[in-house]
Amino acid sequence: MPNNDSINGPRLLEREDGLPPASPGLRLIVQGGERIYSGPPDVRSLLEARGENPAYVNVRLNGEVLNRRDFEKITLREGDKVDFLYFMGGGVV
Protein backbone atom coordinates (compact mmCIF):
# COMPACT_ATOMS: atom_id res chain seq x y z
CA MET A 1 0.00 0.00 0.00
CA PRO A 2 1.33 3.42 -0.87
CA ASN A 3 2.49 5.66 1.90
CA ASN A 4 3.53 9.26 1.41
CA ASP A 5 5.68 10.90 4.08
CA SER A 6 3.82 14.18 3.56
CA ILE A 7 1.39 13.24 6.37
CA ASN A 8 3.61 11.00 8.52
CA GLY A 9 4.53 13.74 10.96
CA PRO A 10 4.17 17.40 11.75
CA ARG A 11 4.90 19.86 8.94
CA LEU A 12 5.18 23.52 9.79
CA LEU A 13 4.48 25.50 6.66
CA GLU A 14 5.50 29.13 6.39
CA ARG A 15 3.37 31.89 4.98
CA GLU A 16 4.76 34.31 2.43
CA ASP A 17 5.27 36.89 5.18
CA GLY A 18 7.70 34.50 6.91
CA LEU A 19 5.45 33.82 9.87
CA PRO A 20 4.24 30.31 10.67
CA PRO A 21 0.61 29.58 9.80
CA ALA A 22 -1.98 29.81 12.57
CA SER A 23 -2.47 26.04 12.39
CA PRO A 24 0.16 23.63 11.01
CA GLY A 25 -2.51 21.16 9.96
CA LEU A 26 -5.14 18.74 11.10
CA ARG A 27 -4.45 16.00 13.59
CA LEU A 28 -6.03 12.88 12.13
CA ILE A 29 -6.00 9.18 12.96
CA VAL A 30 -5.09 7.58 9.60
CA GLN A 31 -5.00 3.79 9.39
CA GLY A 32 -4.74 3.67 13.19
CA GLY A 33 -1.83 6.11 13.57
CA GLU A 34 -1.88 9.79 14.49
CA ARG A 35 -0.84 12.02 11.62
CA ILE A 36 -0.65 15.74 10.92
CA TYR A 37 -2.15 16.58 7.55
CA SER A 38 -1.47 20.04 6.14
CA GLY A 39 -3.13 19.79 2.74
CA PRO A 40 -6.59 20.81 1.58
CA PRO A 41 -9.08 19.46 4.14
CA ASP A 42 -11.17 17.26 1.85
CA VAL A 43 -11.07 13.46 1.61
CA ARG A 44 -10.00 13.38 -2.06
CA SER A 45 -6.95 15.57 -1.35
CA LEU A 46 -5.94 13.35 1.58
CA LEU A 47 -6.13 10.30 -0.68
CA GLU A 48 -4.00 11.99 -3.32
CA ALA A 49 -1.44 13.10 -0.71
CA ARG A 50 -1.15 9.45 0.35
CA GLY A 51 -0.67 8.32 -3.26
CA GLU A 52 -4.00 6.49 -3.27
CA ASN A 53 -6.16 6.24 -6.38
CA PRO A 54 -9.67 7.33 -5.33
CA ALA A 55 -11.17 4.97 -7.93
CA TYR A 56 -9.70 1.89 -6.19
CA VAL A 57 -10.13 2.53 -2.49
CA ASN A 58 -13.10 3.07 -0.22
CA VAL A 59 -12.85 5.38 2.75
CA ARG A 60 -14.32 5.00 6.21
CA LEU A 61 -14.53 8.28 8.13
CA ASN A 62 -15.33 8.01 11.83
CA GLY A 63 -16.87 4.58 11.24
CA GLU A 64 -19.00 5.55 8.23
CA VAL A 65 -18.16 4.28 4.72
CA LEU A 66 -18.22 7.21 2.32
CA ASN A 67 -19.55 7.41 -1.21
CA ARG A 68 -16.71 8.04 -3.69
CA ARG A 69 -18.61 10.82 -5.45
CA ASP A 70 -18.63 12.78 -2.17
CA PHE A 71 -14.86 12.66 -1.51
CA GLU A 72 -14.35 16.27 -2.69
CA LYS A 73 -17.32 17.57 -0.69
CA ILE A 74 -16.48 16.01 2.68
CA THR A 75 -14.37 18.22 4.91
CA LEU A 76 -11.95 16.63 7.36
CA ARG A 77 -11.93 17.91 10.92
CA GLU A 78 -9.49 17.78 13.81
CA GLY A 79 -9.42 14.29 15.36
CA ASP A 80 -11.20 12.49 12.51
CA LYS A 81 -10.48 8.77 12.16
CA VAL A 82 -9.82 7.79 8.53
CA ASP A 83 -9.38 4.24 7.27
CA PHE A 84 -8.76 3.08 3.71
CA LEU A 85 -10.57 -0.09 2.66
CA TYR A 86 -9.09 -2.23 -0.08
CA PHE A 87 -10.92 -5.03 -1.83
CA MET A 88 -8.98 -8.13 -2.80
CA GLY A 89 -9.99 -10.68 -5.39
CA GLY A 90 -9.15 -14.31 -5.31
CA GLY A 91 -10.37 -17.65 -4.13
CA VAL A 92 -11.67 -20.69 -5.93
CA VAL A 93 -14.38 -20.30 -8.55
C-alpha atoms as a PDB file:
ATOM      1  CA  MET A   1       0.000   0.000   0.000  1.00  0.00           C
ATOM      2  CA  PRO A   2       1.328   3.422  -0.872  1.00  0.00           C
ATOM      3  CA  ASN A   3       2.495   5.660   1.899  1.00  0.00           C
ATOM      4  CA  ASN A   4       3.529   9.255   1.414  1.00  0.00           C
ATOM      5  CA  ASP A   5       5.683  10.904   4.081  1.00  0.00           C
ATOM      6  CA  SER A   6       3.816  14.180   3.561  1.00  0.00           C
ATOM      7  CA  ILE A   7       1.394  13.239   6.368  1.00  0.00           C
ATOM      8  CA  ASN A   8       3.610  11.001   8.521  1.00  0.00           C
ATOM      9  CA  GLY A   9       4.532  13.740  10.957  1.00  0.00           C
ATOM     10  CA  PRO A  10       4.173  17.403  11.748  1.00  0.00           C
ATOM     11  CA  ARG A  11       4.904  19.860   8.939  1.00  0.00           C
ATOM     12  CA  LEU A  12       5.177  23.520   9.791  1.00  0.00           C
ATOM     13  CA  LEU A  13       4.484  25.499   6.656  1.00  0.00           C
ATOM     14  CA  GLU A  14       5.500  29.127   6.394  1.00  0.00           C
ATOM     15  CA  ARG A  15       3.369  31.888   4.979  1.00  0.00           C
ATOM     16  CA  GLU A  16       4.756  34.311   2.427  1.00  0.00           C
ATOM     17  CA  ASP A  17       5.273  36.895   5.180  1.00  0.00           C
ATOM     18  CA  GLY A  18       7.703  34.505   6.913  1.00  0.00           C
ATOM     19  CA  LEU A  19       5.446  33.815   9.875  1.00  0.00           C
ATOM     20  CA  PRO A  20       4.243  30.308  10.672  1.00  0.00           C
ATOM     21  CA  PRO A  21       0.612  29.584   9.802  1.00  0.00           C
ATOM     22  CA  ALA A  22      -1.980  29.812  12.571  1.00  0.00           C
ATOM     23  CA  SER A  23      -2.465  26.035  12.387  1.00  0.00           C
ATOM     24  CA  PRO A  24       0.159  23.632  11.006  1.00  0.00           C
ATOM     25  CA  GLY A  25      -2.505  21.158   9.956  1.00  0.00           C
ATOM     26  CA  LEU A  26      -5.136  18.739  11.103  1.00  0.00           C
ATOM     27  CA  ARG A  27      -4.446  16.001  13.589  1.00  0.00           C
ATOM     28  CA  LEU A  28      -6.030  12.881  12.126  1.00  0.00           C
ATOM     29  CA  ILE A  29      -5.996   9.181  12.956  1.00  0.00           C
ATOM     30  CA  VAL A  30      -5.093   7.585   9.604  1.00  0.00           C
ATOM     31  CA  GLN A  31      -5.004   3.792   9.392  1.00  0.00           C
ATOM     32  CA  GLY A  32      -4.737   3.670  13.192  1.00  0.00           C
ATOM     33  CA  GLY A  33      -1.826   6.113  13.567  1.00  0.00           C
ATOM     34  CA  GLU A  34      -1.883   9.787  14.494  1.00  0.00           C
ATOM     35  CA  ARG A  35      -0.841  12.025  11.623  1.00  0.00           C
ATOM     36  CA  ILE A  36      -0.649  15.741  10.923  1.00  0.00           C
ATOM     37  CA  TYR A  37      -2.149  16.575   7.554  1.00  0.00           C
ATOM     38  CA  SER A  38      -1.471  20.040   6.141  1.00  0.00           C
ATOM     39  CA  GLY A  39      -3.127  19.793   2.745  1.00  0.00           C
ATOM     40  CA  PRO A  40      -6.594  20.812   1.580  1.00  0.00           C
ATOM     41  CA  PRO A  41      -9.084  19.459   4.141  1.00  0.00           C
ATOM     42  CA  ASP A  42     -11.170  17.256   1.845  1.00  0.00           C
ATOM     43  CA  VAL A  43     -11.075  13.465   1.609  1.00  0.00           C
ATOM     44  CA  ARG A  44      -9.996  13.380  -2.055  1.00  0.00           C
ATOM     45  CA  SER A  45      -6.952  15.568  -1.347  1.00  0.00           C
ATOM     46  CA  LEU A  46      -5.941  13.354   1.576  1.00  0.00           C
ATOM     47  CA  LEU A  47      -6.131  10.295  -0.683  1.00  0.00           C
ATOM     48  CA  GLU A  48      -3.997  11.990  -3.317  1.00  0.00           C
ATOM     49  CA  ALA A  49      -1.444  13.100  -0.706  1.00  0.00           C
ATOM     50  CA  ARG A  50      -1.147   9.451   0.346  1.00  0.00           C
ATOM     51  CA  GLY A  51      -0.668   8.324  -3.259  1.00  0.00           C
ATOM     52  CA  GLU A  52      -3.998   6.487  -3.273  1.00  0.00           C
ATOM     53  CA  ASN A  53      -6.159   6.243  -6.376  1.00  0.00           C
ATOM     54  CA  PRO A  54      -9.669   7.330  -5.329  1.00  0.00           C
ATOM     55  CA  ALA A  55     -11.168   4.965  -7.927  1.00  0.00           C
ATOM     56  CA  TYR A  56      -9.698   1.886  -6.193  1.00  0.00           C
ATOM     57  CA  VAL A  57     -10.133   2.527  -2.494  1.00  0.00           C
ATOM     58  CA  ASN A  58     -13.100   3.070  -0.224  1.00  0.00           C
ATOM     59  CA  VAL A  59     -12.849   5.377   2.752  1.00  0.00           C
ATOM     60  CA  ARG A  60     -14.324   4.997   6.209  1.00  0.00           C
ATOM     61  CA  LEU A  61     -14.531   8.280   8.127  1.00  0.00           C
ATOM     62  CA  ASN A  62     -15.328   8.012  11.834  1.00  0.00           C
ATOM     63  CA  GLY A  63     -16.866   4.579  11.235  1.00  0.00           C
ATOM     64  CA  GLU A  64     -19.001   5.549   8.228  1.00  0.00           C
ATOM     65  CA  VAL A  65     -18.156   4.280   4.722  1.00  0.00           C
ATOM     66  CA  LEU A  66     -18.216   7.215   2.316  1.00  0.00           C
ATOM     67  CA  ASN A  67     -19.546   7.412  -1.210  1.00  0.00           C
ATOM     68  CA  ARG A  68     -16.713   8.039  -3.693  1.00  0.00           C
ATOM     69  CA  ARG A  69     -18.610  10.820  -5.452  1.00  0.00           C
ATOM     70  CA  ASP A  70     -18.635  12.778  -2.170  1.00  0.00           C
ATOM     71  CA  PHE A  71     -14.861  12.660  -1.505  1.00  0.00           C
ATOM     72  CA  GLU A  72     -14.345  16.268  -2.688  1.00  0.00           C
ATOM     73  CA  LYS A  73     -17.320  17.574  -0.691  1.00  0.00           C
ATOM     74  CA  ILE A  74     -16.481  16.011   2.676  1.00  0.00           C
ATOM     75  CA  THR A  75     -14.365  18.219   4.906  1.00  0.00           C
ATOM     76  CA  LEU A  76     -11.949  16.630   7.361  1.00  0.00           C
ATOM     77  CA  ARG A  77     -11.933  17.914  10.921  1.00  0.00           C
ATOM     78  CA  GLU A  78      -9.489  17.779  13.806  1.00  0.00           C
ATOM     79  CA  GLY A  79      -9.422  14.290  15.357  1.00  0.00           C
ATOM     80  CA  ASP A  80     -11.203  12.486  12.507  1.00  0.00           C
ATOM     81  CA  LYS A  81     -10.482   8.772  12.159  1.00  0.00           C
ATOM     82  CA  VAL A  82      -9.819   7.789   8.530  1.00  0.00           C
ATOM     83  CA  ASP A  83      -9.385   4.241   7.267  1.00  0.00           C
ATOM     84  CA  PHE A  84      -8.764   3.082   3.709  1.00  0.00           C
ATOM     85  CA  LEU A  85     -10.572  -0.086   2.659  1.00  0.00           C
ATOM     86  CA  TYR A  86      -9.086  -2.234  -0.082  1.00  0.00           C
ATOM     87  CA  PHE A  87     -10.920  -5.031  -1.834  1.00  0.00           C
ATOM     88  CA  MET A  88      -8.981  -8.132  -2.800  1.00  0.00           C
ATOM     89  CA  GLY A  89      -9.993 -10.683  -5.395  1.00  0.00           C
ATOM     90  CA  GLY A  90      -9.151 -14.305  -5.305  1.00  0.00           C
ATOM     91  CA  GLY A  91     -10.368 -17.654  -4.130  1.00  0.00           C
ATOM     92  CA  VAL A  92     -11.670 -20.694  -5.932  1.00  0.00           C
ATOM     93  CA  VAL A  93     -14.384 -20.299  -8.555  1.00  0.00           C
END
